[in-house]
Amino acid sequence: MGFQLLLDTSGISSTRPKACYPVLNQAIKCYGRMKWQTDRDYGKRNQAERAIDRYKRILGNRLHSREFTRQRQEAIIGCSILNKMTCISLGENRLEF
């Protein structure tokens, strides 16, 4: 009883193929980097990564519950805690100005 390889993974690379870079560079040269970033909503990815990083640093790297419904509830509670902390810190910063 042997196993058969169903997918050929020899050509799969974890990085972007080099053929995409000239197209990307051409678009940046045509529009300018900042215009290209605003047109593509480039900053949204960075904001999402920062939010997840903040969640992990403050609340931990994993969920403690075993059941999915409880994990979902745990994530909702964690997000509400972060939102309240953000509102408090924004309020303090606004008072300083």
C-alpha atoms as a PDB file:
ATOM      1  CA  MET A   1       0.000   0.000   0.000  1.00  0.00           C
ATOM      2  CA  GLY A   2       1.907   3.045  -1.223  1.00  0.00           C
ATOM      3  CA  PHE A   3       1.144   6.698  -1.443  1.00  0.00           C
ATOM      4  CA  GLN A   4       0.954   8.610  -4.685  1.00  0.00           C
ATOM      5  CA  LEU A   5       1.875  12.291  -4.988  1.00  0.00           C
ATOM      6  CA  LEU A   6      -1.170  14.111  -6.337  1.00  0.00           C
ATOM      7  CA  LEU A   7       0.305  17.591  -6.689  1.00  0.00           C
ATOM      8  CA  ASP A   8       3.614  18.547  -8.226  1.00  0.00           C
ATOM      9  CA  THR A   9       5.084  21.084  -5.781  1.00  0.00           C
ATOM     10  CA  SER A  10       8.471  21.409  -7.456  1.00  0.00           C
ATOM     11  CA  GLY A  11       7.595  24.684  -9.185  1.00  0.00           C
ATOM     12  CA  ILE A  12       5.822  26.327  -6.238  1.00  0.00           C
ATOM     13  CA  SER A  13       7.643  29.254  -4.706  1.00  0.00           C
ATOM     14  CA  SER A  14       6.722  31.174  -1.573  1.00  0.00           C
ATOM     15  CA  THR A  15       7.740  34.471  -3.155  1.00  0.00           C
ATOM     16  CA  ARG A  16       6.100  36.415  -5.942  1.00  0.00           C
ATOM     17  CA  PRO A  17       7.230  35.413  -9.439  1.00  0.00           C
ATOM     18  CA  LYS A  18       9.756  37.818 -10.907  1.00  0.00           C
ATOM     19  CA  ALA A  19       7.522  38.383 -13.932  1.00  0.00           C
ATOM     20  CA  CYS A  20       5.202  40.500 -11.750  1.00  0.00           C
ATOM     21  CA  TYR A  21       7.849  42.993 -10.690  1.00  0.00           C
ATOM     22  CA  PRO A  22       8.238  44.838 -14.042  1.00  0.00           C
ATOM     23  CA  VAL A  23       4.478  45.450 -14.186  1.00  0.00           C
ATOM     24  CA  LEU A  24       4.476  46.713 -10.603  1.00  0.00           C
ATOM     25  CA  ASN A  25       7.505  48.934 -11.169  1.00  0.00           C
ATOM     26  CA  GLN A  26       5.953  50.331 -14.350  1.00  0.00           C
ATOM     27  CA  ALA A  27       2.746  51.237 -12.502  1.00  0.00           C
ATOM     28  CA  ILE A  28       4.713  52.939  -9.727  1.00  0.00           C
ATOM     29  CA  LYS A  29       6.802  54.893 -12.253  1.00  0.00           C
ATOM     30  CA  CYS A  30       3.673  55.913 -14.157  1.00  0.00           C
ATOM     31  CA  TYR A  31       1.624  57.129 -11.180  1.00  0.00           C
ATOM     32  CA  GLY A  32       4.249  57.771  -8.526  1.00  0.00           C
ATOM     33  CA  ARG A  33       4.553  55.695  -5.359  1.00  0.00           C
ATOM     34  CA  MET A  34       2.174  57.707  -3.176  1.00  0.00           C
ATOM     35  CA  LYS A  35      -0.582  57.902  -5.823  1.00  0.00           C
ATOM     36  CA  TRP A  36      -0.195  54.172  -6.480  1.00  0.00           C
ATOM     37  CA  GLN A  37      -0.506  53.452  -2.755  1.00  0.00           C
ATOM     38  CA  THR A  38      -3.639  55.559  -2.361  1.00  0.00           C
ATOM     39  CA  ASP A  39      -5.255  54.061  -5.470  1.00  0.00           C
ATOM     40  CA  ARG A  40      -4.594  50.518  -4.235  1.00  0.00           C
ATOM     41  CA  ASP A  41      -5.499  51.167  -0.546  1.00  0.00           C
ATOM     42  CA  TYR A  42      -2.007  50.013   0.325  1.00  0.00           C
ATOM     43  CA  GLY A  43      -2.186  51.214   3.931  1.00  0.00           C
ATOM     44  CA  LYS A  44      -5.157  49.002   4.886  1.00  0.00           C
ATOM     45  CA  ARG A  45      -2.978  45.910   5.050  1.00  0.00           C
ATOM     46  CA  ASN A  46      -0.569  47.659   7.392  1.00  0.00           C
ATOM     47  CA  GLN A  47      -3.428  48.781   9.642  1.00  0.00           C
ATOM     48  CA  ALA A  48      -4.810  45.236   9.802  1.00  0.00           C
ATOM     49  CA  GLU A  49      -1.392  43.795  10.649  1.00  0.00           C
ATOM     50  CA  ARG A  50      -0.910  46.375  13.406  1.00  0.00           C
ATOM     51  CA  ALA A  51      -4.335  45.582  14.866  1.00  0.00           C
ATOM     52  CA  ILE A  52      -3.628  41.846  14.965  1.00  0.00           C
ATOM     53  CA  ASP A  53      -0.184  42.470  16.452  1.00  0.00           C
ATOM     54  CA  ARG A  54      -1.691  44.671  19.163  1.00  0.00           C
ATOM     55  CA  TYR A  55      -4.324  42.000  19.917  1.00  0.00           C
ATOM     56  CA  LYS A  56      -1.646  39.306  20.268  1.00  0.00           C
ATOM     57  CA  ARG A  57       0.671  41.419  22.433  1.00  0.00           C
ATOM     58  CA  ILE A  58      -2.045  42.463  24.877  1.00  0.00           C
ATOM     59  CA  LEU A  59      -4.349  39.437  24.993  1.00  0.00           C
ATOM     60  CA  GLY A  60      -2.002  36.599  24.115  1.00  0.00           C
ATOM     61  CA  ASN A  61      -0.974  34.611  21.102  1.00  0.00           C
ATOM     62  CA  ARG A  62      -3.742  32.017  21.272  1.00  0.00           C
ATOM     63  CA  LEU A  63      -7.333  31.493  22.344  1.00  0.00           C
ATOM     64  CA  HIS A  64      -7.899  29.594  25.579  1.00  0.00           C
ATOM     65  CA  SER A  65     -11.290  28.041  24.816  1.00  0.00           C
ATOM     66  CA  ARG A  66     -11.612  24.719  23.041  1.00  0.00           C
ATOM     67  CA  GLU A  67     -15.042  25.014  21.439  1.00  0.00           C
ATOM     68  CA  PHE A  68     -15.445  27.221  18.385  1.00  0.00           C
ATOM     69  CA  THR A  69     -18.451  29.138  19.752  1.00  0.00           C
ATOM     70  CA  ARG A  70     -16.523  29.996  22.912  1.00  0.00           C
ATOM     71  CA  GLN A  71     -13.433  30.944  20.872  1.00  0.00           C
ATOM     72  CA  ARG A  72     -15.625  33.282  18.844  1.00  0.00           C
ATOM     73  CA  GLN A  73     -17.008  34.843  22.016  1.00  0.00           C
ATOM     74  CA  GLU A  74     -13.482  35.166  23.440  1.00  0.00           C
ATOM     75  CA  ALA A  75     -12.330  36.994  20.306  1.00  0.00           C
ATOM     76  CA  ILE A  76     -15.339  39.337  20.435  1.00  0.00           C
ATOM     77  CA  ILE A  77     -14.630  40.167  24.085  1.00  0.00           C
ATOM     78  CA  GLY A  78     -10.945  40.727  23.279  1.00  0.00           C
ATOM     79  CA  CYS A  79     -11.800  43.105  20.445  1.00  0.00           C
ATOM     80  CA  SER A  80     -14.195  45.070  22.642  1.00  0.00           C
ATOM     81  CA  ILE A  81     -11.462  45.391  25.298  1.00  0.00           C
ATOM     82  CA  LEU A  82      -9.034  46.731  22.680  1.00  0.00           C
ATOM     83  CA  ASN A  83     -11.655  49.160  21.351  1.00  0.00           C
ATOM     84  CA  LYS A  84     -12.285  50.520  24.851  1.00  0.00           C
ATOM     85  CA  MET A  85      -8.554  50.877  25.479  1.00  0.00           C
ATOM     86  CA  THR A  86      -8.183  52.728  22.165  1.00  0.00           C
ATOM     87  CA  CYS A  87     -11.056  55.083  22.997  1.00  0.00           C
ATOM     88  CA  ILE A  88      -9.556  55.843  26.405  1.00  0.00           C
ATOM     89  CA  SER A  89      -6.130  56.576  24.932  1.00  0.00           C
ATOM     90  CA  LEU A  90      -7.621  58.757  22.182  1.00  0.00           C
ATOM     91  CA  GLY A  91      -9.537  60.717  24.798  1.00  0.00           C
ATOM     92  CA  GLU A  92      -6.358  61.333  26.803  1.00  0.00           C
ATOM     93  CA  ASN A  93      -4.460  62.473  23.695  1.00  0.00           C
ATOM     94  CA  ARG A  94      -7.242  64.849  22.707  1.00  0.00           C
ATOM     95  CA  LEU A  95      -7.132  66.490  26.131  1.00  0.00           C
ATOM     96  CA  GLU A  96      -3.428  67.245  25.714  1.00  0.00           C
ATOM     97  CA  PHE A  97      -3.969  69.231  22.526  1.00  0.00           C
END
